[in-house]
Amino acid sequence: MTDSYDATEPELDGFPIPGDSEGLNSRDGLEVLLSRFADEVRTGALPSIEDYAAKHPEWADQIRELFPLVFSLERWKGDKEVECLRRNVPNEISVEAFGEYKVVRELGRGGMGVVFHAVHERTHRPVAVKLLPWRYAADMPRWKERFHREAATIAALQHRNIVQVYSFGRHEGYYYYVMQLIEGIGLDRIIDRLRKSSRPCSVPDLVAATAASRSSAEHLLQKLHGQRDDSTHATLALTRDSWRGFARLGEQIASALAHAHQNNVLHNDIKPSNLLVKPNGQVIVTDFGIGRLDNEGGEPLTQDESAVGTLRYMAPERLLGAGDARCDIYSLGITLYELITQTTPFDALNRSDLLDRVFHEALKPPCRIIPQIPVPLETIILKAIERDPADRYESAGALAEDLRRFINGQRIRAVRKGFFQRAVTWCKSLRSSKSRGQQT
């Protein structure tokens, strides 16, 4: 058998035939690159404009001029899509069951989901069900892929301080996943209680007050399942100066983040309302706004991911569409700042004012608000919320270790910056923020 030969194909002896694996010769090359770039942004990636320019130097000037416009347009379209979906979340969602899970009541709503209390019909196990609240919207590739990724990723994380995910599926056009039902209270509720009263804040009492509105049938189902009441065991009570108690909460969150980061997962939405505290003081991290890390340490966050969460807890670089695991460290630092000072960080009346404060104003050192705060604890917080990511803790594990050292009365590893060093860092961060803003 001989190899086939096509005499119509041109051939130059001794010379390689130039390839066109990217298909740039079939039509205008710049048009192909623009389309490819827009597709990447549209599907949730954040491609590097400079990488495109470096790979295609013949169009480098046009790439640097046109690609930022394409990026801005696609981001604007994505933001409008999110706004439209959020405006159209129905006030009441009439779903009686998800597969074998019977809905008891709605527990709460977040930026991109509605959470229900449900019970497994056969075992009577109480669970929480998170629902993407737009029927058939999940058929859009952006939301379908994101929801599946979120559920599968969290399910793979096994840590005592991370909510457990049991399964996920689709029911009558809705996507949902089933997770552990936490008998606890949001850290935001604890902060609010500490802010309003100088009396000790009993977490079991707050949880009991929340549970008081439940029906007797719901309590019966919990008893049938044999759910343990944590309030009969170790309990947590906090006062405005519970320094080690605050640190214990922070250490648990940092340990959970360290586990997630080791598995190449970012949380992307650390804030008090996403941290549930059980009566015994155990913290459960919930509501991952999923982002992935690559093997070299991190890839930028997608633009629709950077819209997730509450702006005041987001690291400055993340507000510009970039970041890595140190964004989670910053968010935890801001959360601890609010918990310990009982003040609202970067308080502002609207989005533009808030962003201006995040980028241009430094938070007051905690000792200016609470003079009694121990210096080591304040040092830990200030290092976690540094504007320049390079000056923060290099990992959530390092932050957890320093919190443990403080709890045990040991010397922490973080070194406090002097006034001159902080001024230089602030100016450097401001220049970097402006430079990123001009690029985008």
Protein backbone atom coordinates (compact mmCIF):
# COMPACT_ATOMS: atom_id res chain seq x y z
CA MET A 1 0.00 0.00 0.00
CA THR A 2 1.38 3.38 -1.00
CA ASP A 3 0.77 6.74 0.62
CA SER A 4 -1.76 8.86 -1.23
CA TYR A 5 -0.46 11.90 -3.03
CA ASP A 6 -2.36 14.96 -4.20
CA ALA A 7 -0.61 16.62 -7.15
CA THR A 8 -2.66 19.76 -6.66
CA GLU A 9 -1.01 20.53 -3.30
CA PRO A 10 1.95 22.94 -3.68
CA GLU A 11 5.20 21.73 -2.24
CA LEU A 12 8.60 23.33 -1.78
CA ASP A 13 11.43 20.88 -1.34
CA GLY A 14 13.45 21.63 1.77
CA PHE A 15 11.08 24.34 3.05
CA PRO A 16 8.42 23.87 5.72
CA ILE A 17 4.88 24.81 4.74
CA PRO A 18 3.79 27.61 7.11
CA GLY A 19 1.03 26.50 9.49
CA ASP A 20 -2.05 28.43 10.50
CA SER A 21 -3.32 26.51 13.51
CA GLU A 22 -5.17 29.56 14.80
CA GLY A 23 -6.94 30.26 11.52
CA LEU A 24 -5.65 33.82 11.36
CA ASN A 25 -5.06 33.71 7.60
CA SER A 26 -8.64 32.74 6.74
CA ARG A 27 -9.93 36.23 7.49
CA ASP A 28 -8.69 39.44 9.02
CA GLY A 29 -6.37 38.32 11.81
CA LEU A 30 -7.18 41.20 14.15
CA GLU A 31 -10.89 40.46 13.76
CA VAL A 32 -10.25 36.84 14.76
CA LEU A 33 -8.33 37.92 17.83
CA LEU A 34 -11.02 40.44 18.83
CA SER A 35 -13.71 37.76 18.56
CA ARG A 36 -11.64 35.29 20.55
CA PHE A 37 -10.91 37.85 23.26
CA ALA A 38 -14.62 38.81 23.52
CA ASP A 39 -15.60 35.13 23.77
CA GLU A 40 -13.15 34.59 26.63
CA VAL A 41 -14.47 37.59 28.56
CA ARG A 42 -18.07 36.59 27.85
CA THR A 43 -17.59 33.08 29.26
CA GLY A 44 -16.08 34.38 32.49
CA ALA A 45 -12.33 34.48 31.81
CA LEU A 46 -10.15 37.53 32.26
CA PRO A 47 -7.59 37.26 29.43
CA SER A 48 -4.47 39.39 29.56
CA ILE A 49 -4.36 42.15 26.96
CA GLU A 50 -0.57 42.30 27.26
CA ASP A 51 -0.31 38.55 26.59
CA TYR A 52 -2.29 39.03 23.38
CA ALA A 53 -0.03 41.94 22.38
CA ALA A 54 3.12 39.95 23.11
CA LYS A 55 1.94 36.93 21.09
CA HIS A 56 0.88 39.08 18.12
CA PRO A 57 3.36 41.99 17.92
CA GLU A 58 2.21 42.90 14.40
CA TRP A 59 -1.09 44.08 15.91
CA ALA A 60 0.20 45.11 19.34
CA ASP A 61 -0.78 48.78 19.03
CA GLN A 62 -4.30 47.96 17.80
CA ILE A 63 -4.70 45.33 20.53
CA ARG A 64 -3.80 47.81 23.27
CA GLU A 65 -6.20 50.35 21.78
CA LEU A 66 -9.22 48.17 20.96
CA PHE A 67 -9.20 45.33 23.48
CA PRO A 68 -9.90 47.52 26.55
CA LEU A 69 -13.01 48.82 24.75
CA VAL A 70 -14.18 45.27 24.02
CA PHE A 71 -13.47 44.28 27.61
CA SER A 72 -15.46 47.23 29.01
CA LEU A 73 -18.39 46.52 26.69
CA GLU A 74 -18.57 42.82 27.62
CA ARG A 75 -18.24 43.63 31.32
CA TRP A 76 -21.06 46.18 31.03
CA LYS A 77 -23.25 43.61 29.27
CA GLY A 78 -22.51 41.04 31.99
CA ASP A 79 -23.30 43.51 34.77
CA LYS A 80 -26.60 44.41 33.11
CA GLU A 81 -27.47 40.71 32.85
CA VAL A 82 -26.81 40.26 36.57
CA GLU A 83 -28.89 43.35 37.42
CA CYS A 84 -31.74 42.10 35.25
CA LEU A 85 -31.71 38.68 36.90
CA ARG A 86 -31.60 40.14 40.39
CA ARG A 87 -34.52 42.47 39.67
CA ASN A 88 -36.58 39.54 38.47
CA VAL A 89 -36.16 37.24 41.45
CA PRO A 90 -39.77 36.38 42.39
CA ASN A 91 -40.95 37.42 45.84
CA GLU A 92 -42.32 33.94 46.37
CA ILE A 93 -40.90 30.77 44.84
CA SER A 94 -43.51 28.02 44.90
CA VAL A 95 -41.40 24.88 45.11
CA GLU A 96 -42.66 22.15 47.41
CA ALA A 97 -39.83 19.67 46.98
CA PHE A 98 -36.46 19.08 45.32
CA GLY A 99 -36.36 15.41 44.48
CA GLU A 100 -36.54 13.56 47.81
CA TYR A 101 -36.19 16.76 49.83
CA LYS A 102 -39.42 18.39 51.03
CA VAL A 103 -39.25 22.17 51.47
CA VAL A 104 -40.14 23.46 54.95
CA ARG A 105 -39.55 27.19 54.55
CA GLU A 106 -37.28 29.83 53.03
CA LEU A 107 -34.22 30.59 55.18
CA GLY A 108 -32.75 33.58 53.38
CA ARG A 109 -31.58 35.20 50.15
CA GLY A 110 -28.14 36.16 48.92
CA GLY A 111 -26.88 37.96 45.85
CA MET A 112 -27.18 34.91 43.59
CA GLY A 113 -29.33 32.37 45.42
CA VAL A 114 -32.24 31.54 47.70
CA VAL A 115 -31.75 29.08 50.58
CA PHE A 116 -34.51 26.81 51.87
CA HIS A 117 -34.82 24.58 54.90
CA ALA A 118 -35.81 21.12 53.65
CA VAL A 119 -36.11 17.59 55.03
CA HIS A 120 -35.22 14.30 53.39
CA GLU A 121 -38.54 12.43 53.16
CA ARG A 122 -37.15 8.99 53.95
CA THR A 123 -34.52 9.70 56.63
CA HIS A 124 -36.03 12.96 58.02
CA ARG A 125 -32.58 14.52 57.86
CA PRO A 126 -32.85 18.34 57.89
CA VAL A 127 -30.81 20.04 55.17
CA ALA A 128 -30.42 23.40 53.48
CA VAL A 129 -31.12 23.69 49.74
CA LYS A 130 -29.57 26.53 47.76
CA LEU A 131 -31.51 27.43 44.63
CA LEU A 132 -30.51 29.45 41.61
CA PRO A 133 -33.77 31.43 41.64
CA TRP A 134 -34.35 32.00 37.92
CA ARG A 135 -36.23 29.22 36.20
CA TYR A 136 -34.43 28.21 32.98
CA ALA A 137 -31.87 31.02 33.41
CA ALA A 138 -29.47 28.24 34.33
CA ASP A 139 -29.64 27.11 30.71
CA MET A 140 -27.44 30.08 29.89
CA PRO A 141 -23.87 28.73 29.74
CA ARG A 142 -22.53 31.40 32.13
CA TRP A 143 -24.87 30.44 35.00
CA LYS A 144 -25.05 26.71 34.35
CA GLU A 145 -21.28 26.31 34.36
CA ARG A 146 -20.85 28.56 37.37
CA PHE A 147 -23.49 26.82 39.46
CA HIS A 148 -22.16 23.34 38.67
CA ARG A 149 -18.62 24.50 39.42
CA GLU A 150 -19.66 26.03 42.74
CA ALA A 151 -21.51 22.94 43.92
CA ALA A 152 -18.89 20.42 42.81
CA THR A 153 -16.01 22.47 44.21
CA ILE A 154 -17.51 22.98 47.65
CA ALA A 155 -18.52 19.32 47.81
CA ALA A 156 -14.87 18.38 47.40
CA LEU A 157 -13.81 20.49 50.40
CA GLN A 158 -13.82 18.52 53.66
CA HIS A 159 -13.16 20.75 56.69
CA ARG A 160 -14.97 21.14 60.00
CA ASN A 161 -15.35 24.88 59.39
CA ILE A 162 -16.66 24.65 55.80
CA VAL A 163 -20.29 23.88 55.03
CA GLN A 164 -20.77 20.37 53.64
CA VAL A 165 -22.45 19.90 50.26
CA TYR A 166 -24.21 16.56 49.76
CA SER A 167 -25.60 16.66 46.22
CA PHE A 168 -26.85 18.91 43.44
CA GLY A 169 -29.33 18.65 40.60
CA ARG A 170 -32.09 20.25 38.56
CA HIS A 171 -35.82 20.35 39.27
CA GLU A 172 -38.50 21.88 37.01
CA GLY A 173 -36.05 24.26 35.42
CA TYR A 174 -34.30 25.24 38.67
CA TYR A 175 -30.73 24.31 39.59
CA TYR A 176 -30.11 23.56 43.26
CA TYR A 177 -27.68 21.92 45.63
CA VAL A 178 -28.26 20.26 48.98
CA MET A 179 -26.00 21.10 51.89
CA GLN A 180 -25.59 20.86 55.64
CA LEU A 181 -28.18 22.76 57.67
CA ILE A 182 -26.36 24.92 60.21
CA GLU A 183 -28.03 25.67 63.53
CA GLY A 184 -26.24 28.95 64.05
CA ILE A 185 -26.33 32.70 63.68
CA GLY A 186 -24.61 34.98 61.18
CA LEU A 187 -21.57 36.85 62.46
CA ASP A 188 -23.27 40.04 61.26
CA ARG A 189 -26.01 39.47 63.85
CA ILE A 190 -23.40 39.07 66.59
CA ILE A 191 -21.65 42.28 65.53
CA ASP A 192 -24.96 44.12 65.50
CA ARG A 193 -25.76 42.88 69.02
CA LEU A 194 -22.32 43.92 70.34
CA ARG A 195 -22.72 47.31 68.68
CA LYS A 196 -26.09 47.98 70.32
CA SER A 197 -25.52 46.64 73.82
CA SER A 198 -22.70 46.51 76.34
CA ARG A 199 -24.20 43.37 77.87
CA PRO A 200 -22.60 39.99 77.05
CA CYS A 201 -23.77 38.53 73.75
CA SER A 202 -24.84 34.90 74.21
CA VAL A 203 -24.68 33.05 70.91
CA PRO A 204 -26.98 30.22 72.15
CA ASP A 205 -29.57 32.85 73.12
CA LEU A 206 -29.37 34.47 69.68
CA VAL A 207 -29.74 31.10 67.97
CA ALA A 208 -32.66 30.19 70.23
CA ALA A 209 -34.37 33.50 69.50
CA THR A 210 -34.07 32.82 65.79
CA ALA A 211 -35.35 29.27 66.16
CA ALA A 212 -38.33 30.41 68.27
CA SER A 213 -40.25 31.29 65.12
CA ARG A 214 -40.08 27.73 63.81
CA SER A 215 -43.14 25.54 63.86
CA SER A 216 -43.56 22.68 66.32
CA ALA A 217 -43.60 20.27 63.37
CA GLU A 218 -40.14 21.42 62.39
CA HIS A 219 -38.81 20.82 65.91
CA LEU A 220 -40.41 17.35 65.83
CA LEU A 221 -38.59 16.49 62.61
CA GLN A 222 -35.30 17.53 64.18
CA LYS A 223 -35.98 15.30 67.19
CA LEU A 224 -36.85 12.37 64.91
CA HIS A 225 -33.52 12.81 63.19
CA GLY A 226 -31.73 12.96 66.53
CA GLN A 227 -30.05 16.28 65.83
CA ARG A 228 -27.73 17.26 68.67
CA ASP A 229 -28.41 20.53 70.46
CA ASP A 230 -25.04 22.27 70.71
CA SER A 231 -26.40 24.64 73.36
CA THR A 232 -26.25 21.82 75.93
CA HIS A 233 -22.49 21.54 75.42
CA ALA A 234 -19.83 24.23 75.32
CA THR A 235 -21.39 27.63 74.66
CA LEU A 236 -20.06 30.95 73.40
CA ALA A 237 -20.67 34.32 75.00
CA LEU A 238 -18.89 37.46 73.80
CA THR A 239 -18.41 40.94 75.18
CA ARG A 240 -16.99 44.00 73.49
CA ASP A 241 -13.53 43.13 74.76
CA SER A 242 -13.50 39.36 74.18
CA TRP A 243 -10.13 39.57 72.47
CA ARG A 244 -9.31 35.86 72.56
CA GLY A 245 -12.90 34.96 71.71
CA PHE A 246 -12.71 37.15 68.61
CA ALA A 247 -9.35 35.63 67.71
CA ARG A 248 -10.76 32.09 68.05
CA LEU A 249 -13.49 32.92 65.55
CA GLY A 250 -10.92 34.41 63.15
CA GLU A 251 -8.56 31.44 63.53
CA GLN A 252 -11.29 29.01 62.50
CA ILE A 253 -12.15 31.06 59.41
CA ALA A 254 -8.49 31.41 58.45
CA SER A 255 -7.98 27.64 58.86
CA ALA A 256 -10.98 26.98 56.59
CA LEU A 257 -9.60 29.37 53.98
CA ALA A 258 -6.17 27.73 54.19
CA HIS A 259 -7.79 24.35 53.41
CA ALA A 260 -9.74 25.84 50.49
CA HIS A 261 -6.66 27.58 49.09
CA GLN A 262 -4.63 24.38 49.34
CA ASN A 263 -7.30 22.83 47.12
CA ASN A 264 -7.01 25.71 44.62
CA VAL A 265 -10.29 27.31 45.67
CA LEU A 266 -10.93 30.93 46.57
CA HIS A 267 -13.93 31.97 48.62
CA ASN A 268 -14.30 35.44 47.03
CA ASP A 269 -17.08 36.55 49.36
CA ILE A 270 -15.85 36.53 52.96
CA LYS A 271 -18.06 38.83 55.01
CA PRO A 272 -19.90 38.53 58.35
CA SER A 273 -23.21 37.34 56.91
CA ASN A 274 -21.49 34.38 55.21
CA LEU A 275 -19.99 33.16 58.49
CA LEU A 276 -22.35 31.17 60.71
CA VAL A 277 -21.50 30.76 64.38
CA LYS A 278 -22.93 27.76 66.23
CA PRO A 279 -23.87 27.92 69.94
CA ASN A 280 -20.64 26.13 70.89
CA GLY A 281 -18.51 28.73 69.07
CA GLN A 282 -17.77 26.69 65.96
CA VAL A 283 -17.72 28.83 62.80
CA ILE A 284 -19.01 27.48 59.50
CA VAL A 285 -17.93 29.25 56.31
CA THR A 286 -20.73 29.33 53.72
CA ASP A 287 -21.64 30.90 50.36
CA PHE A 288 -18.49 30.46 48.33
CA GLY A 289 -18.37 32.86 45.37
CA ILE A 290 -16.16 30.37 43.60
CA GLY A 291 -12.86 31.26 41.95
CA ARG A 292 -10.08 28.91 40.90
CA LEU A 293 -6.36 29.13 41.54
CA ASP A 294 -3.87 27.74 39.07
CA ASN A 295 -0.84 25.73 40.12
CA GLU A 296 1.45 28.73 40.08
CA GLY A 297 -0.47 30.62 42.72
CA GLY A 298 -3.40 32.34 41.11
CA GLU A 299 -5.28 33.50 38.08
CA PRO A 300 -7.34 36.68 37.95
CA LEU A 301 -10.92 36.65 39.08
CA THR A 302 -13.57 36.80 36.39
CA GLN A 303 -15.57 39.97 36.14
CA ASP A 304 -18.88 38.41 37.09
CA GLU A 305 -17.16 36.91 40.13
CA SER A 306 -15.73 40.30 41.11
CA ALA A 307 -19.30 41.62 41.23
CA VAL A 308 -20.19 39.05 43.89
CA GLY A 309 -20.28 40.02 47.53
CA THR A 310 -20.26 43.27 49.42
CA LEU A 311 -17.88 45.89 48.13
CA ARG A 312 -16.59 47.10 51.48
CA TYR A 313 -15.07 43.69 52.24
CA MET A 314 -13.34 43.31 48.87
CA ALA A 315 -9.62 43.87 48.43
CA PRO A 316 -8.80 46.94 46.29
CA GLU A 317 -7.17 44.84 43.56
CA ARG A 318 -10.22 42.60 43.37
CA LEU A 319 -12.46 45.59 42.73
CA LEU A 320 -10.31 46.13 39.64
CA GLY A 321 -10.92 42.58 38.42
CA ALA A 322 -7.72 40.89 39.60
CA GLY A 323 -6.41 39.12 42.65
CA ASP A 324 -5.45 35.86 44.31
CA ALA A 325 -5.75 34.11 47.68
CA ARG A 326 -4.62 37.26 49.48
CA CYS A 327 -7.99 38.82 48.57
CA ASP A 328 -9.64 36.36 50.96
CA ILE A 329 -7.10 37.31 53.63
CA TYR A 330 -7.97 40.99 53.18
CA SER A 331 -11.71 40.25 53.42
CA LEU A 332 -11.20 38.29 56.63
CA GLY A 333 -9.10 41.13 58.00
CA ILE A 334 -11.87 43.65 57.28
CA THR A 335 -14.38 41.28 58.89
CA LEU A 336 -12.25 41.01 62.05
CA TYR A 337 -11.81 44.80 62.04
CA GLU A 338 -15.60 45.21 62.09
CA LEU A 339 -16.07 42.50 64.72
CA ILE A 340 -13.49 43.94 67.11
CA THR A 341 -14.28 47.64 66.67
CA GLN A 342 -18.04 47.18 66.14
CA THR A 343 -17.87 49.88 63.49
CA THR A 344 -18.74 49.73 59.78
CA PRO A 345 -15.56 49.84 57.66
CA PHE A 346 -15.57 52.34 54.80
CA ASP A 347 -19.06 53.54 55.71
CA ALA A 348 -20.61 55.30 52.69
CA LEU A 349 -24.03 56.19 51.33
CA ASN A 350 -23.52 54.98 47.76
CA ARG A 351 -21.31 52.80 45.57
CA SER A 352 -19.10 55.59 44.17
CA ASP A 353 -18.39 57.04 47.62
CA LEU A 354 -17.60 53.57 48.95
CA LEU A 355 -15.16 52.83 46.13
CA ASP A 356 -13.50 56.21 46.60
CA ARG A 357 -12.97 55.46 50.28
CA VAL A 358 -11.65 51.95 49.66
CA PHE A 359 -9.06 53.23 47.18
CA HIS A 360 -8.09 56.51 48.82
CA GLU A 361 -8.79 56.36 52.56
CA ALA A 362 -6.99 54.34 55.20
CA LEU A 363 -9.05 52.81 57.98
CA LYS A 364 -8.41 54.15 61.45
CA PRO A 365 -6.14 51.85 63.43
CA PRO A 366 -8.36 49.81 65.78
CA CYS A 367 -6.65 51.36 68.82
CA ARG A 368 -8.06 54.75 67.79
CA ILE A 369 -11.54 53.28 68.24
CA ILE A 370 -10.91 50.72 70.99
CA PRO A 371 -7.87 51.87 73.01
CA GLN A 372 -7.88 48.67 75.07
CA ILE A 373 -7.21 46.36 72.10
CA PRO A 374 -4.04 44.29 72.61
CA VAL A 375 -1.21 45.45 70.33
CA PRO A 376 -0.54 41.95 68.88
CA LEU A 377 -4.20 41.54 67.83
CA GLU A 378 -4.23 44.97 66.23
CA THR A 379 -0.98 44.14 64.42
CA ILE A 380 -2.54 40.97 62.99
CA ILE A 381 -5.54 42.88 61.67
CA LEU A 382 -3.46 45.68 60.17
CA LYS A 383 -1.25 43.18 58.35
CA ALA A 384 -4.27 41.32 56.95
CA ILE A 385 -5.80 44.53 55.52
CA GLU A 386 -2.67 46.01 53.93
CA ARG A 387 -3.50 47.74 50.64
CA ASP A 388 -0.53 46.14 48.88
CA PRO A 389 -1.08 42.34 48.66
CA ALA A 390 2.66 41.81 49.02
CA ASP A 391 2.51 43.29 52.53
CA ARG A 392 -0.31 41.02 53.74
CA TYR A 393 0.09 37.54 55.19
CA GLU A 394 1.47 35.31 52.47
CA SER A 395 -1.16 32.68 53.23
CA ALA A 396 -4.31 32.10 55.25
CA GLY A 397 -2.36 29.45 57.14
CA ALA A 398 0.14 32.08 58.30
CA LEU A 399 -2.73 34.29 59.47
CA ALA A 400 -4.28 31.36 61.36
CA GLU A 401 -0.93 30.61 63.00
CA ASP A 402 -0.53 34.19 64.28
CA LEU A 403 -4.08 34.14 65.65
CA ARG A 404 -3.30 30.87 67.47
CA ARG A 405 -0.12 32.43 68.87
CA PHE A 406 -2.11 35.37 70.19
CA ILE A 407 -4.72 33.05 71.75
CA ASN A 408 -1.96 31.05 73.48
CA GLY A 409 -0.13 34.13 74.72
CA GLN A 410 2.85 33.58 72.41
CA ARG A 411 4.72 36.18 70.40
CA ILE A 412 3.19 36.65 66.94
CA ARG A 413 5.33 36.59 63.79
CA ALA A 414 3.86 39.72 62.17
CA VAL A 415 5.99 42.85 62.59
CA ARG A 416 4.28 46.17 63.11
CA LYS A 417 5.06 48.86 60.52
CA GLY A 418 6.23 52.30 61.49
CA PHE A 419 4.48 55.46 60.31
CA PHE A 420 6.96 56.12 57.48
CA GLN A 421 6.68 52.58 56.14
CA ARG A 422 2.88 52.74 56.13
CA ALA A 423 2.93 56.10 54.29
CA VAL A 424 5.25 54.71 51.60
CA THR A 425 3.10 51.58 51.20
CA TRP A 426 -0.08 53.63 50.92
CA CYS A 427 1.39 55.85 48.17
CA LYS A 428 2.69 52.80 46.28
CA SER A 429 -0.69 51.10 46.49
CA LEU A 430 -2.47 54.23 45.29
CA ARG A 431 -0.20 54.49 42.22
CA SER A 432 -0.74 50.79 41.48
CA SER A 433 -4.52 51.16 41.75
CA LYS A 434 -4.53 54.11 39.37
CA SER A 435 -2.35 52.19 36.91
CA ARG A 436 -4.71 49.19 36.93
CA GLY A 437 -7.68 51.48 36.50
CA GLN A 438 -6.13 53.04 33.40
CA GLN A 439 -5.43 49.59 31.92
CA THR A 440 -9.02 48.49 32.34
